[in-house]
PDB file of N, CA and C in Angstrom:
ATOM      1  N   MET A   1       0.843  -1.026   0.110  1.00  0.00           N
ATOM      2  CA  MET A   1      -0.179   0.193   0.103  1.00  0.00           C
ATOM      3  C   MET A   1       0.788   1.148  -0.009  1.00  0.00           C
ATOM      4  N   LYS A   2       1.954   1.221   0.817  1.00  0.00           N
ATOM      5  CA  LYS A   2       2.984   2.363   0.769  1.00  0.00           C
ATOM      6  C   LYS A   2       3.601   2.543  -0.503  1.00  0.00           C
ATOM      7  N   LYS A   3       4.149   1.545  -1.246  1.00  0.00           N
ATOM      8  CA  LYS A   3       4.512   1.795  -2.621  1.00  0.00           C
ATOM      9  C   LYS A   3       3.807   2.318  -3.559  1.00  0.00           C
ATOM     10  N   ALA A   4       2.337   1.901  -3.499  1.00  0.00           N
ATOM     11  CA  ALA A   4       1.388   2.730  -4.340  1.00  0.00           C
ATOM     12  C   ALA A   4       1.015   3.969  -4.209  1.00  0.00           C
ATOM     13  N   ASN A   5       1.258   4.434  -2.892  1.00  0.00           N
ATOM     14  CA  ASN A   5       1.193   5.730  -2.554  1.00  0.00           C
ATOM     15  C   ASN A   5       2.425   6.459  -2.869  1.00  0.00           C
ATOM     16  N   TYR A   6       3.368   5.974  -2.710  1.00  0.00           N
ATOM     17  CA  TYR A   6       4.572   6.900  -3.089  1.00  0.00           C
ATOM     18  C   TYR A   6       4.847   6.842  -4.591  1.00  0.00           C
ATOM     19  N   LEU A   7       4.289   5.649  -5.405  1.00  0.00           N
ATOM     20  CA  LEU A   7       4.177   5.664  -6.840  1.00  0.00           C
ATOM     21  C   LEU A   7       3.251   6.813  -7.218  1.00  0.00           C
ATOM     22  N   LEU A   8       2.167   7.005  -6.701  1.00  0.00           N
ATOM     23  CA  LEU A   8       1.294   7.999  -7.119  1.00  0.00           C
ATOM     24  C   LEU A   8       1.585   9.407  -7.070  1.00  0.00           C
ATOM     25  N   LEU A   9       2.138   9.675  -5.757  1.00  0.00           N
ATOM     26  CA  LEU A   9       2.990  10.921  -5.381  1.00  0.00           C
ATOM     27  C   LEU A   9       4.211  11.170  -6.486  1.00  0.00           C
ATOM     28  N   LEU A  10       4.841  10.239  -6.902  1.00  0.00           N
ATOM     29  CA  LEU A  10       6.056  10.513  -7.813  1.00  0.00           C
ATOM     30  C   LEU A  10       5.435  10.736  -9.017  1.00  0.00           C
ATOM     31  N   ILE A  11       4.331  10.114  -9.722  1.00  0.00           N
ATOM     32  CA  ILE A  11       3.768  10.429 -11.019  1.00  0.00           C
ATOM     33  C   ILE A  11       3.083  12.016 -10.782  1.00  0.00           C
ATOM     34  N   LEU A  12       2.498  12.419  -9.641  1.00  0.00           N
ATOM     35  CA  LEU A  12       1.768  13.677  -9.743  1.00  0.00           C
ATOM     36  C   LEU A  12       2.790  14.754  -9.596  1.00  0.00           C
ATOM     37  N   MET A  13       3.898  14.612  -8.977  1.00  0.00           N
ATOM     38  CA  MET A  13       4.869  15.471  -8.964  1.00  0.00           C
ATOM     39  C   MET A  13       5.530  15.669 -10.225  1.00  0.00           C
ATOM     40  N   SER A  14       5.886  14.321 -10.919  1.00  0.00           N
ATOM     41  CA  SER A  14       6.345  14.680 -12.327  1.00  0.00           C
ATOM     42  C   SER A  14       5.510  15.331 -13.161  1.00  0.00           C
ATOM     43  N   VAL A  15       4.308  15.038 -13.257  1.00  0.00           N
ATOM     44  CA  VAL A  15       3.492  15.828 -14.408  1.00  0.00           C
ATOM     45  C   VAL A  15       3.127  17.325 -13.905  1.00  0.00           C
ATOM     46  N   GLY A  16       3.182  17.467 -12.627  1.00  0.00           N
ATOM     47  CA  GLY A  16       3.096  18.887 -12.118  1.00  0.00           C
ATOM     48  C   GLY A  16       4.308  19.831 -12.571  1.00  0.00           C
ATOM     49  N   SER A  17       5.514  19.256 -12.949  1.00  0.00           N
ATOM     50  CA  SER A  17       6.569  19.992 -13.316  1.00  0.00           C
ATOM     51  C   SER A  17       6.681  20.253 -14.470  1.00  0.00           C
ATOM     52  N   LEU A  18       5.733  19.712 -15.597  1.00  0.00           N
ATOM     53  CA  LEU A  18       5.695  19.705 -16.880  1.00  0.00           C
ATOM     54  C   LEU A  18       5.154  20.733 -17.229  1.00  0.00           C
ATOM     55  N   GLN A  19       4.505  21.473 -16.283  1.00  0.00           N
ATOM     56  CA  GLN A  19       3.489  22.612 -16.644  1.00  0.00           C
ATOM     57  C   GLN A  19       4.349  24.004 -16.713  1.00  0.00           C
ATOM     58  N   ALA A  20       3.985  25.019 -17.439  1.00  0.00           N
ATOM     59  CA  ALA A  20       4.680  26.174 -17.491  1.00  0.00           C
ATOM     60  C   ALA A  20       3.531  26.896 -16.835  1.00  0.00           C
ATOM     61  N   ASP A  21       4.091  27.982 -15.736  1.00  0.00           N
ATOM     62  CA  ASP A  21       2.921  28.866 -15.015  1.00  0.00           C
ATOM     63  C   ASP A  21       3.114  30.205 -14.908  1.00  0.00           C
ATOM     64  N   LYS A  22       2.039  30.809 -14.443  1.00  0.00           N
ATOM     65  CA  LYS A  22       2.402  32.332 -14.028  1.00  0.00           C
ATOM     66  C   LYS A  22       2.223  32.338 -12.677  1.00  0.00           C
ATOM     67  N   VAL A  23       3.355  32.554 -12.239  1.00  0.00           N
ATOM     68  CA  VAL A  23       3.308  32.893 -10.572  1.00  0.00           C
ATOM     69  C   VAL A  23       3.156  34.328 -10.258  1.00  0.00           C
ATOM     70  N   THR A  24       2.449  34.392  -9.167  1.00  0.00           N
ATOM     71  CA  THR A  24       2.128  35.905  -8.590  1.00  0.00           C
ATOM     72  C   THR A  24       2.738  35.991  -7.060  1.00  0.00           C
ATOM     73  N   VAL A  25       3.552  36.993  -6.581  1.00  0.00           N
ATOM     74  CA  VAL A  25       3.900  36.804  -5.469  1.00  0.00           C
ATOM     75  C   VAL A  25       2.867  37.887  -4.640  1.00  0.00           C
ATOM     76  N   ILE A  26       1.864  37.424  -3.516  1.00  0.00           N
ATOM     77  CA  ILE A  26       0.774  37.993  -3.166  1.00  0.00           C
ATOM     78  C   ILE A  26       1.407  39.142  -2.431  1.00  0.00           C
ATOM     79  N   LYS A  27       2.396  39.167  -1.866  1.00  0.00           N
ATOM     80  CA  LYS A  27       2.771  40.346  -1.114  1.00  0.00           C
ATOM     81  C   LYS A  27       3.373  41.659  -2.001  1.00  0.00           C
ATOM     82  N   THR A  28       4.287  41.116  -2.803  1.00  0.00           N
ATOM     83  CA  THR A  28       4.810  42.227  -3.556  1.00  0.00           C
ATOM     84  C   THR A  28       4.304  42.516  -4.897  1.00  0.00           C
ATOM     85  N   ASN A  29       3.350  41.686  -5.424  1.00  0.00           N
ATOM     86  CA  ASN A  29       2.781  41.760  -6.782  1.00  0.00           C
ATOM     87  C   ASN A  29       3.873  41.497  -7.629  1.00  0.00           C
ATOM     88  N   GLU A  30       4.844  40.502  -7.504  1.00  0.00           N
ATOM     89  CA  GLU A  30       5.740  40.267  -8.501  1.00  0.00           C
ATOM     90  C   GLU A  30       5.262  39.077  -9.184  1.00  0.00           C
ATOM     91  N   ILE A  31       5.329  39.222 -10.502  1.00  0.00           N
ATOM     92  CA  ILE A  31       5.179  38.376 -11.269  1.00  0.00           C
ATOM     93  C   ILE A  31       6.018  37.647 -12.049  1.00  0.00           C
ATOM     94  N   PHE A  32       6.072  36.204 -12.185  1.00  0.00           N
ATOM     95  CA  PHE A  32       6.758  35.463 -12.980  1.00  0.00           C
ATOM     96  C   PHE A  32       6.332  34.854 -13.977  1.00  0.00           C
ATOM     97  N   ASP A  33       6.502  34.857 -15.291  1.00  0.00           N
ATOM     98  CA  ASP A  33       5.790  34.464 -16.470  1.00  0.00           C
ATOM     99  C   ASP A  33       6.855  33.064 -17.017  1.00  0.00           C
ATOM    100  N   ASN A  34       5.996  32.199 -17.408  1.00  0.00           N
ATOM    101  CA  ASN A  34       6.638  31.213 -18.016  1.00  0.00           C
ATOM    102  C   ASN A  34       7.553  30.235 -17.261  1.00  0.00           C
ATOM    103  N   VAL A  35       7.225  30.013 -16.100  1.00  0.00           N
ATOM    104  CA  VAL A  35       8.092  29.286 -15.086  1.00  0.00           C
ATOM    105  C   VAL A  35       7.524  27.848 -14.913  1.00  0.00           C
ATOM    106  N   LYS A  36       8.458  27.017 -14.475  1.00  0.00           N
ATOM    107  CA  LYS A  36       8.065  25.938 -14.130  1.00  0.00           C
ATOM    108  C   LYS A  36       8.112  25.577 -12.560  1.00  0.00           C
ATOM    109  N   THR A  37       7.032  25.064 -12.110  1.00  0.00           N
ATOM    110  CA  THR A  37       6.826  25.159 -10.563  1.00  0.00           C
ATOM    111  C   THR A  37       6.866  23.768 -10.145  1.00  0.00           C
ATOM    112  N   THR A  38       7.263  23.311  -9.069  1.00  0.00           N
ATOM    113  CA  THR A  38       7.491  21.871  -8.505  1.00  0.00           C
ATOM    114  C   THR A  38       7.124  22.015  -6.786  1.00  0.00           C
ATOM    115  N   PRO A  39       6.204  21.462  -6.525  1.00  0.00           N
ATOM    116  CA  PRO A  39       5.852  21.382  -5.155  1.00  0.00           C
ATOM    117  C   PRO A  39       7.032  20.593  -4.215  1.00  0.00           C
ATOM    118  N   ASN A  40       7.516  21.381  -3.166  1.00  0.00           N
ATOM    119  CA  ASN A  40       8.469  20.792  -2.572  1.00  0.00           C
ATOM    120  C   ASN A  40       8.039  20.605  -0.953  1.00  0.00           C
ATOM    121  N   GLY A  41       7.037  19.488  -0.902  1.00  0.00           N
ATOM    122  CA  GLY A  41       6.330  19.459   0.414  1.00  0.00           C
ATOM    123  C   GLY A  41       5.220  20.283   0.250  1.00  0.00           C
ATOM    124  N   ARG A  42       4.396  20.343   1.561  1.00  0.00           N
ATOM    125  CA  ARG A  42       3.245  21.254   1.383  1.00  0.00           C
ATOM    126  C   ARG A  42       3.526  22.627   1.937  1.00  0.00           C
ATOM    127  N   LEU A  43       4.660  23.047   2.132  1.00  0.00           N
ATOM    128  CA  LEU A  43       4.844  24.495   2.672  1.00  0.00           C
ATOM    129  C   LEU A  43       5.745  25.183   1.547  1.00  0.00           C
ATOM    130  N   GLU A  44       6.335  24.513   0.657  1.00  0.00           N
ATOM    131  CA  GLU A  44       7.375  25.366  -0.278  1.00  0.00           C
ATOM    132  C   GLU A  44       6.957  24.869  -1.761  1.00  0.00           C
ATOM    133  N   THR A  45       7.263  25.889  -2.875  1.00  0.00           N
ATOM    134  CA  THR A  45       7.203  25.702  -4.248  1.00  0.00           C
ATOM    135  C   THR A  45       8.498  25.990  -4.613  1.00  0.00           C
ATOM    136  N   ILE A  46       9.164  25.158  -5.707  1.00  0.00           N
ATOM    137  CA  ILE A  46      10.303  25.458  -6.307  1.00  0.00           C
ATOM    138  C   ILE A  46      10.159  26.163  -7.595  1.00  0.00           C
ATOM    139  N   ILE A  47      10.622  27.087  -8.095  1.00  0.00           N
ATOM    140  CA  ILE A  47      10.039  28.035  -9.176  1.00  0.00           C
ATOM    141  C   ILE A  47      11.536  27.899  -9.968  1.00  0.00           C
ATOM    142  N   GLU A  48      11.469  27.209 -11.091  1.00  0.00           N
ATOM    143  CA  GLU A  48      12.438  27.394 -12.021  1.00  0.00           C
ATOM    144  C   GLU A  48      12.077  28.252 -13.497  1.00  0.00           C
ATOM    145  N   SER A  49      12.945  29.119 -13.745  1.00  0.00           N
ATOM    146  CA  SER A  49      12.716  30.180 -14.943  1.00  0.00           C
ATOM    147  C   SER A  49      13.621  29.321 -15.914  1.00  0.00           C
ATOM    148  N   LYS A  50      13.384  30.108 -17.216  1.00  0.00           N
ATOM    149  CA  LYS A  50      13.808  29.665 -18.337  1.00  0.00           C
ATOM    150  C   LYS A  50      15.404  29.495 -18.555  1.00  0.00           C
ATOM    151  N   ASN A  51      16.020  30.454 -17.689  1.00  0.00           N
ATOM    152  CA  ASN A  51      17.401  30.521 -17.672  1.00  0.00           C
ATOM    153  C   ASN A  51      18.016  29.647 -16.769  1.00  0.00           C
ATOM    154  N   GLY A  52      17.526  28.908 -15.896  1.00  0.00           N
ATOM    155  CA  GLY A  52      18.008  27.889 -14.971  1.00  0.00           C
ATOM    156  C   GLY A  52      18.160  28.246 -13.711  1.00  0.00           C
ATOM    157  N   THR A  53      17.563  29.589 -13.255  1.00  0.00           N
ATOM    158  CA  THR A  53      17.683  30.136 -12.013  1.00  0.00           C
ATOM    159  C   THR A  53      16.653  29.333 -11.048  1.00  0.00           C
ATOM    160  N   LYS A  54      16.660  29.054 -10.113  1.00  0.00           N
ATOM    161  CA  LYS A  54      15.761  28.218  -9.162  1.00  0.00           C
ATOM    162  C   LYS A  54      15.490  29.309  -7.839  1.00  0.00           C
ATOM    163  N   GLN A  55      14.133  29.520  -7.410  1.00  0.00           N
ATOM    164  CA  GLN A  55      13.845  30.086  -6.227  1.00  0.00           C
ATOM    165  C   GLN A  55      12.767  29.005  -5.444  1.00  0.00           C
ATOM    166  N   MET A  56      12.810  29.362  -4.210  1.00  0.00           N
ATOM    167  CA  MET A  56      12.011  28.367  -3.479  1.00  0.00           C
ATOM    168  C   MET A  56      10.980  29.303  -2.378  1.00  0.00           C
ATOM    169  N   LEU A  57       9.882  29.215  -2.646  1.00  0.00           N
ATOM    170  CA  LEU A  57       9.241  30.332  -2.130  1.00  0.00           C
ATOM    171  C   LEU A  57       7.982  29.512  -1.271  1.00  0.00           C
ATOM    172  N   LYS A  58       7.227  30.127  -0.234  1.00  0.00           N
ATOM    173  CA  LYS A  58       6.035  29.537   0.490  1.00  0.00           C
ATOM    174  C   LYS A  58       5.026  29.278  -0.319  1.00  0.00           C
ATOM    175  N   THR A  59       4.441  28.426  -0.329  1.00  0.00           N
ATOM    176  CA  THR A  59       3.291  27.990  -0.976  1.00  0.00           C
ATOM    177  C   THR A  59       2.092  29.017  -0.732  1.00  0.00           C
ATOM    178  N   LYS A  60       1.742  29.151   0.524  1.00  0.00           N
ATOM    179  CA  LYS A  60       0.815  30.261   0.861  1.00  0.00           C
ATOM    180  C   LYS A  60       1.153  31.735   0.573  1.00  0.00           C
ATOM    181  N   ASP A  61       2.319  31.959   0.151  1.00  0.00           N
ATOM    182  CA  ASP A  61       2.867  33.405  -0.096  1.00  0.00           C
ATOM    183  C   ASP A  61       2.659  33.554  -1.764  1.00  0.00           C
ATOM    184  N   ILE A  62       2.376  32.711  -2.591  1.00  0.00           N
ATOM    185  CA  ILE A  62       2.094  32.946  -3.916  1.00  0.00           C
ATOM    186  C   ILE A  62       0.898  32.349  -4.507  1.00  0.00           C
ATOM    187  N   SER A  63       0.231  32.744  -5.853  1.00  0.00           N
ATOM    188  CA  SER A  63      -0.567  32.176  -6.411  1.00  0.00           C
ATOM    189  C   SER A  63      -0.252  31.725  -7.707  1.00  0.00           C
ATOM    190  N   ILE A  64      -0.819  30.615  -8.221  1.00  0.00           N
ATOM    191  CA  ILE A  64      -0.154  29.728  -9.486  1.00  0.00           C
ATOM    192  C   ILE A  64      -1.193  29.836 -10.469  1.00  0.00           C
ATOM    193  N   VAL A  65      -0.881  30.219 -11.803  1.00  0.00           N
ATOM    194  CA  VAL A  65      -1.947  29.966 -12.786  1.00  0.00           C
ATOM    195  C   VAL A  65      -1.181  29.100 -13.729  1.00  0.00           C
ATOM    196  N   THR A  66      -1.882  27.971 -14.252  1.00  0.00           N
ATOM    197  CA  THR A  66      -1.084  27.235 -15.168  1.00  0.00           C
ATOM    198  C   THR A  66      -1.488  27.517 -16.351  1.00  0.00           C
ATOM    199  N   SER A  67      -0.478  27.346 -17.440  1.00  0.00           N
ATOM    200  CA  SER A  67      -0.762  27.505 -18.740  1.00  0.00           C
ATOM    201  C   SER A  67       0.329  26.530 -19.459  1.00  0.00           C
ATOM    202  N   PRO A  68      -0.010  26.447 -20.860  1.00  0.00           N
ATOM    203  CA  PRO A  68       1.015  25.452 -21.618  1.00  0.00           C
ATOM    204  C   PRO A  68       2.291  26.023 -21.754  1.00  0.00           C
ATOM    205  N   VAL A  69       3.068  25.103 -22.081  1.00  0.00           N
ATOM    206  CA  VAL A  69       4.828  25.222 -21.888  1.00  0.00           C
ATOM    207  C   VAL A  69       5.010  25.992 -23.286  1.00  0.00           C
ATOM    208  N   VAL A  70       5.729  27.062 -23.432  1.00  0.00           N
ATOM    209  CA  VAL A  70       6.026  27.706 -24.436  1.00  0.00           C
ATOM    210  C   VAL A  70       7.387  28.314 -24.424  1.00  0.00           C
ATOM    211  N   TRP A  71       8.552  27.337 -23.712  1.00  0.00           N
ATOM    212  CA  TRP A  71       9.810  27.559 -23.759  1.00  0.00           C
ATOM    213  C   TRP A  71      10.339  27.268 -25.379  1.00  0.00           C
ATOM    214  N   GLU A  72      11.219  27.973 -25.811  1.00  0.00           N
ATOM    215  CA  GLU A  72      11.876  27.870 -27.081  1.00  0.00           C
ATOM    216  C   GLU A  72      12.727  26.565 -27.033  1.00  0.00           C
ATOM    217  N   GLU A  73      13.114  25.997 -28.291  1.00  0.00           N
ATOM    218  CA  GLU A  73      13.896  24.889 -28.235  1.00  0.00           C
ATOM    219  C   GLU A  73      15.328  25.459 -28.157  1.00  0.00           C
ATOM    220  N   THR A  74      16.238  24.851 -27.767  1.00  0.00           N
ATOM    221  CA  THR A  74      17.676  25.028 -27.668  1.00  0.00           C
ATOM    222  C   THR A  74      18.222  24.842 -28.936  1.00  0.00           C
ATOM    223  N   GLN A  75      19.302  25.664 -29.130  1.00  0.00           N
ATOM    224  CA  GLN A  75      19.839  25.594 -30.635  1.00  0.00           C
ATOM    225  C   GLN A  75      20.350  24.029 -30.971  1.00  0.00           C
ATOM    226  N   ALA A  76      20.504  23.544 -31.928  1.00  0.00           N
ATOM    227  CA  ALA A  76      21.204  22.451 -32.439  1.00  0.00           C
ATOM    228  C   ALA A  76      22.641  22.678 -32.140  1.00  0.00           C
ATOM    229  N   GLU A  77      23.182  21.450 -31.552  1.00  0.00           N
ATOM    230  CA  GLU A  77      24.524  21.596 -31.544  1.00  0.00           C
ATOM    231  C   GLU A  77      25.360  21.235 -32.914  1.00  0.00           C
ATOM    232  N   LYS A  78      26.461  21.450 -33.001  1.00  0.00           N
ATOM    233  CA  LYS A  78      27.310  21.033 -34.219  1.00  0.00           C
ATOM    234  C   LYS A  78      27.644  19.688 -33.981  1.00  0.00           C
ATOM    235  N   PRO A  79      27.777  19.216 -35.081  1.00  0.00           N
ATOM    236  CA  PRO A  79      28.006  17.518 -35.395  1.00  0.00           C
ATOM    237  C   PRO A  79      29.536  17.427 -34.632  1.00  0.00           C
ATOM    238  N   SER A  80      29.553  16.102 -34.005  1.00  0.00           N
ATOM    239  CA  SER A  80      30.791  16.024 -33.542  1.00  0.00           C
ATOM    240  C   SER A  80      32.049  15.575 -34.608  1.00  0.00           C
ATOM    241  N   ILE A  81      33.333  15.551 -34.012  1.00  0.00           N
ATOM    242  CA  ILE A  81      34.331  15.144 -34.970  1.00  0.00           C
ATOM    243  C   ILE A  81      33.928  13.792 -35.758  1.00  0.00           C
ATOM    244  N   TRP A  82      33.572  12.959 -35.007  1.00  0.00           N
ATOM    245  CA  TRP A  82      33.360  11.625 -35.738  1.00  0.00           C
ATOM    246  C   TRP A  82      32.151  11.772 -36.890  1.00  0.00           C
ATOM    247  N   LYS A  83      31.072  12.566 -36.642  1.00  0.00           N
ATOM    248  CA  LYS A  83      30.134  12.521 -37.346  1.00  0.00           C
ATOM    249  C   LYS A  83      30.441  13.308 -38.718  1.00  0.00           C
ATOM    250  N   ARG A  84      31.443  14.587 -38.508  1.00  0.00           N
ATOM    251  CA  ARG A  84      31.845  15.166 -39.522  1.00  0.00           C
ATOM    252  C   ARG A  84      32.970  14.328 -40.423  1.00  0.00           C
ATOM    253  N   MET A  85      33.694  13.418 -39.774  1.00  0.00           N
ATOM    254  CA  MET A  85      34.560  12.664 -40.332  1.00  0.00           C
ATOM    255  C   MET A  85      33.882  11.797 -41.510  1.00  0.00           C
ATOM    256  N   PHE A  86      32.802  11.218 -40.843  1.00  0.00           N
ATOM    257  CA  PHE A  86      32.355  10.053 -41.662  1.00  0.00           C
ATOM    258  C   PHE A  86      31.009  10.329 -42.399  1.00  0.00           C
ATOM    259  N   SER A  87      30.708  11.677 -42.406  1.00  0.00           N
ATOM    260  CA  SER A  87      29.465  12.011 -43.128  1.00  0.00           C
ATOM    261  C   SER A  87      29.850  12.183 -44.485  1.00  0.00           C
ATOM    262  N   LYS A  88      28.752  12.271 -45.574  1.00  0.00           N
ATOM    263  CA  LYS A  88      28.963  12.395 -46.899  1.00  0.00           C
ATOM    264  C   LYS A  88      28.381  13.795 -47.311  1.00  0.00           C
ATOM    265  N   SER A  89      28.379  14.839 -46.257  1.00  0.00           N
ATOM    266  CA  SER A  89      27.741  16.106 -46.909  1.00  0.00           C
ATOM    267  C   SER A  89      28.700  17.055 -47.506  1.00  0.00           C
ATOM    268  N   GLU A  90      28.093  18.219 -47.739  1.00  0.00           N
ATOM    269  CA  GLU A  90      29.159  19.149 -48.404  1.00  0.00           C
ATOM    270  C   GLU A  90      29.687  20.016 -47.188  1.00  0.00           C
ATOM    271  N   PRO A  91      30.922  20.473 -47.398  1.00  0.00           N
ATOM    272  CA  PRO A  91      31.522  21.380 -46.147  1.00  0.00           C
ATOM    273  C   PRO A  91      30.670  22.204 -45.863  1.00  0.00           C
ATOM    274  N   GLU A  92      30.663  22.764 -44.693  1.00  0.00           N
ATOM    275  CA  GLU A  92      29.410  23.745 -43.810  1.00  0.00           C
ATOM    276  C   GLU A  92      29.976  24.862 -44.387  1.00  0.00           C
ATOM    277  N   THR A  93      29.058  25.693 -44.815  1.00  0.00           N
ATOM    278  CA  THR A  93      29.135  27.160 -45.223  1.00  0.00           C
ATOM    279  C   THR A  93      28.617  27.878 -43.832  1.00  0.00           C
ATOM    280  N   ASN A  94      29.166  29.007 -43.629  1.00  0.00           N
ATOM    281  CA  ASN A  94      28.786  29.889 -42.823  1.00  0.00           C
ATOM    282  C   ASN A  94      27.522  30.635 -42.922  1.00  0.00           C
ATOM    283  N   LYS A  95      26.366  30.126 -42.009  1.00  0.00           N
ATOM    284  CA  LYS A  95      25.028  30.583 -42.181  1.00  0.00           C
ATOM    285  C   LYS A  95      24.751  31.685 -41.462  1.00  0.00           C
ATOM    286  N   GLU A  96      25.517  31.625 -40.296  1.00  0.00           N
ATOM    287  CA  GLU A  96      25.372  32.700 -39.504  1.00  0.00           C
ATOM    288  C   GLU A  96      25.917  34.040 -39.865  1.00  0.00           C
ATOM    289  N   ASN A  97      27.056  34.318 -40.573  1.00  0.00           N
ATOM    290  CA  ASN A  97      28.002  35.449 -40.969  1.00  0.00           C
ATOM    291  C   ASN A  97      27.823  35.170 -42.648  1.00  0.00           C
ATOM    292  N   PRO A  98      27.189  34.994 -43.447  1.00  0.00           N
ATOM    293  CA  PRO A  98      27.587  34.880 -44.798  1.00  0.00           C
ATOM    294  C   PRO A  98      28.676  35.718 -45.462  1.00  0.00           C
ATOM    295  N   ASN A  99      28.977  37.131 -44.909  1.00  0.00           N
ATOM    296  CA  ASN A  99      29.936  37.922 -45.555  1.00  0.00           C
ATOM    297  C   ASN A  99      31.381  37.401 -45.205  1.00  0.00           C
ATOM    298  N   GLU A 100      31.583  36.443 -44.051  1.00  0.00           N
ATOM    299  CA  GLU A 100      32.919  36.093 -43.905  1.00  0.00           C
ATOM    300  C   GLU A 100      33.149  34.881 -44.818  1.00  0.00           C
ATOM    301  N   GLU A 101      34.402  34.974 -45.264  1.00  0.00           N
ATOM    302  CA  GLU A 101      35.130  34.203 -46.233  1.00  0.00           C
ATOM    303  C   GLU A 101      35.297  32.834 -45.731  1.00  0.00           C
ATOM    304  N   PRO A 102      35.111  31.558 -46.491  1.00  0.00           N
ATOM    305  CA  PRO A 102      35.138  30.276 -45.978  1.00  0.00           C
ATOM    306  C   PRO A 102      36.580  29.841 -45.395  1.00  0.00           C
ATOM    307  N   LYS A 103      36.716  29.069 -44.573  1.00  0.00           N
ATOM    308  CA  LYS A 103      37.863  28.503 -43.879  1.00  0.00           C
ATOM    309  C   LYS A 103      38.388  27.543 -44.921  1.00  0.00           C
ATOM    310  N   SER A 104      39.746  27.505 -44.622  1.00  0.00           N
ATOM    311  CA  SER A 104      40.573  26.517 -45.710  1.00  0.00           C
ATOM    312  C   SER A 104      40.530  25.198 -45.023  1.00  0.00           C
ATOM    313  N   PHE A 105      40.825  24.536 -46.059  1.00  0.00           N
ATOM    314  CA  PHE A 105      40.776  22.878 -45.878  1.00  0.00           C
ATOM    315  C   PHE A 105      41.757  22.679 -44.328  1.00  0.00           C
ATOM    316  N   PHE A 106      42.568  22.964 -43.999  1.00  0.00           N
ATOM    317  CA  PHE A 106      43.250  22.840 -43.025  1.00  0.00           C
ATOM    318  C   PHE A 106      42.719  23.410 -41.572  1.00  0.00           C
ATOM    319  N   ASP A 107      41.925  24.645 -41.769  1.00  0.00           N
ATOM    320  CA  ASP A 107      41.259  25.155 -40.504  1.00  0.00           C
ATOM    321  C   ASP A 107      40.106  24.272 -40.376  1.00  0.00           C
ATOM    322  N   ARG A 108      39.505  23.573 -41.381  1.00  0.00           N
ATOM    323  CA  ARG A 108      38.261  22.832 -41.050  1.00  0.00           C
ATOM    324  C   ARG A 108      38.515  21.399 -40.669  1.00  0.00           C
ATOM    325  N   ARG A 109      39.885  20.946 -41.052  1.00  0.00           N
ATOM    326  CA  ARG A 109      40.242  19.521 -40.769  1.00  0.00           C
ATOM    327  C   ARG A 109      41.266  19.465 -39.898  1.00  0.00           C
ATOM    328  N   PHE A 110      41.709  20.351 -38.864  1.00  0.00           N
ATOM    329  CA  PHE A 110      42.582  20.325 -38.172  1.00  0.00           C
ATOM    330  C   PHE A 110      42.062  19.015 -36.885  1.00  0.00           C
ATOM    331  N   PRO A 111      41.376  19.079 -36.454  1.00  0.00           N
ATOM    332  CA  PRO A 111      41.180  18.348 -35.130  1.00  0.00           C
ATOM    333  C   PRO A 111      41.112  16.978 -35.455  1.00  0.00           C
ATOM    334  N   GLU A 112      40.607  16.458 -36.948  1.00  0.00           N
ATOM    335  CA  GLU A 112      40.593  15.318 -37.506  1.00  0.00           C
ATOM    336  C   GLU A 112      41.945  14.687 -37.709  1.00  0.00           C
ATOM    337  N   MET A 113      42.962  15.547 -38.335  1.00  0.00           N
ATOM    338  CA  MET A 113      44.315  15.424 -38.619  1.00  0.00           C
ATOM    339  C   MET A 113      44.967  15.131 -37.394  1.00  0.00           C
ATOM    340  N   ALA A 114      44.797  15.682 -36.272  1.00  0.00           N
ATOM    341  CA  ALA A 114      45.575  15.911 -34.923  1.00  0.00           C
ATOM    342  C   ALA A 114      45.128  14.380 -34.529  1.00  0.00           C
ATOM    343  N   ILE A 115      43.970  14.073 -34.535  1.00  0.00           N
ATOM    344  CA  ILE A 115      43.627  12.698 -33.892  1.00  0.00           C
ATOM    345  C   ILE A 115      44.097  11.469 -34.720  1.00  0.00           C
ATOM    346  N   GLY A 116      44.277  11.608 -35.940  1.00  0.00           N
ATOM    347  CA  GLY A 116      44.853  10.662 -36.890  1.00  0.00           C
ATOM    348  C   GLY A 116      46.496  10.640 -36.610  1.00  0.00           C
ATOM    349  N   THR A 117      47.162  11.746 -36.471  1.00  0.00           N
ATOM    350  CA  THR A 117      48.371  11.851 -36.235  1.00  0.00           C
ATOM    351  C   THR A 117      48.815  11.164 -34.759  1.00  0.00           C
ATOM    352  N   MET A 118      47.920  11.475 -33.912  1.00  0.00           N
ATOM    353  CA  MET A 118      48.211  10.830 -32.511  1.00  0.00           C
ATOM    354  C   MET A 118      48.027   9.369 -32.564  1.00  0.00           C
ATOM    355  N   ALA A 119      47.091   8.651 -33.096  1.00  0.00           N
ATOM    356  CA  ALA A 119      46.790   7.337 -33.449  1.00  0.00           C
ATOM    357  C   ALA A 119      47.866   6.642 -34.207  1.00  0.00           C
ATOM    358  N   LEU A 120      48.387   7.249 -35.012  1.00  0.00           N
ATOM    359  CA  LEU A 120      49.822   6.576 -35.843  1.00  0.00           C
ATOM    360  C   LEU A 120      50.804   6.551 -34.881  1.00  0.00           C
ATOM    361  N   LEU A 121      50.922   7.862 -34.274  1.00  0.00           N
ATOM    362  CA  LEU A 121      52.166   7.974 -33.424  1.00  0.00           C
ATOM    363  C   LEU A 121      52.101   6.962 -32.468  1.00  0.00           C
ATOM    364  N   PHE A 122      50.932   6.557 -31.769  1.00  0.00           N
ATOM    365  CA  PHE A 122      50.495   5.579 -30.631  1.00  0.00           C
ATOM    366  C   PHE A 122      50.932   4.084 -31.223  1.00  0.00           C
ATOM    367  N   PHE A 123      50.643   3.868 -32.287  1.00  0.00           N
ATOM    368  CA  PHE A 123      50.868   2.454 -32.957  1.00  0.00           C
ATOM    369  C   PHE A 123      52.317   2.267 -33.308  1.00  0.00           C
ATOM    370  N   LEU A 124      52.954   3.217 -33.986  1.00  0.00           N
ATOM    371  CA  LEU A 124      54.233   3.346 -34.650  1.00  0.00           C
ATOM    372  C   LEU A 124      55.602   3.265 -33.341  1.00  0.00           C
ATOM    373  N   LEU A 125      55.186   4.084 -32.451  1.00  0.00           N
ATOM    374  CA  LEU A 125      56.099   4.292 -31.379  1.00  0.00           C
ATOM    375  C   LEU A 125      56.274   3.206 -30.409  1.00  0.00           C
ATOM    376  N   PRO A 126      57.477   2.582 -29.976  1.00  0.00           N
ATOM    377  CA  PRO A 126      57.212   1.614 -29.047  1.00  0.00           C
ATOM    378  C   PRO A 126      56.992   1.961 -27.597  1.00  0.00           C
TER     379      PRO A 126
END
């Protein structure tokens, strides 16, 4: 019976943290828009903003209005060295700054050449 209660509590806490909320501090009328709230027991609530900062406020001092999540997606990371080595795509062009002249072959492939040189030296040297 206790396991079922803990499982239900865990599910409720995880579902509650997926909501983006509008939090208003009652005393100061300070408003936090588009934040994630997580209850931390009965007395406190953790408020996490988009930039990663967290605040812990008393539940009785705030009012929470639930709304859908509208956080922007993070930018896609550049492909790793191994993906660049074995991919068959064209060399990357600079999409952020098109006026910048393209990099030379040596500038683009230096990390791969350095890794290859180190691997050769590892096998060739006793």
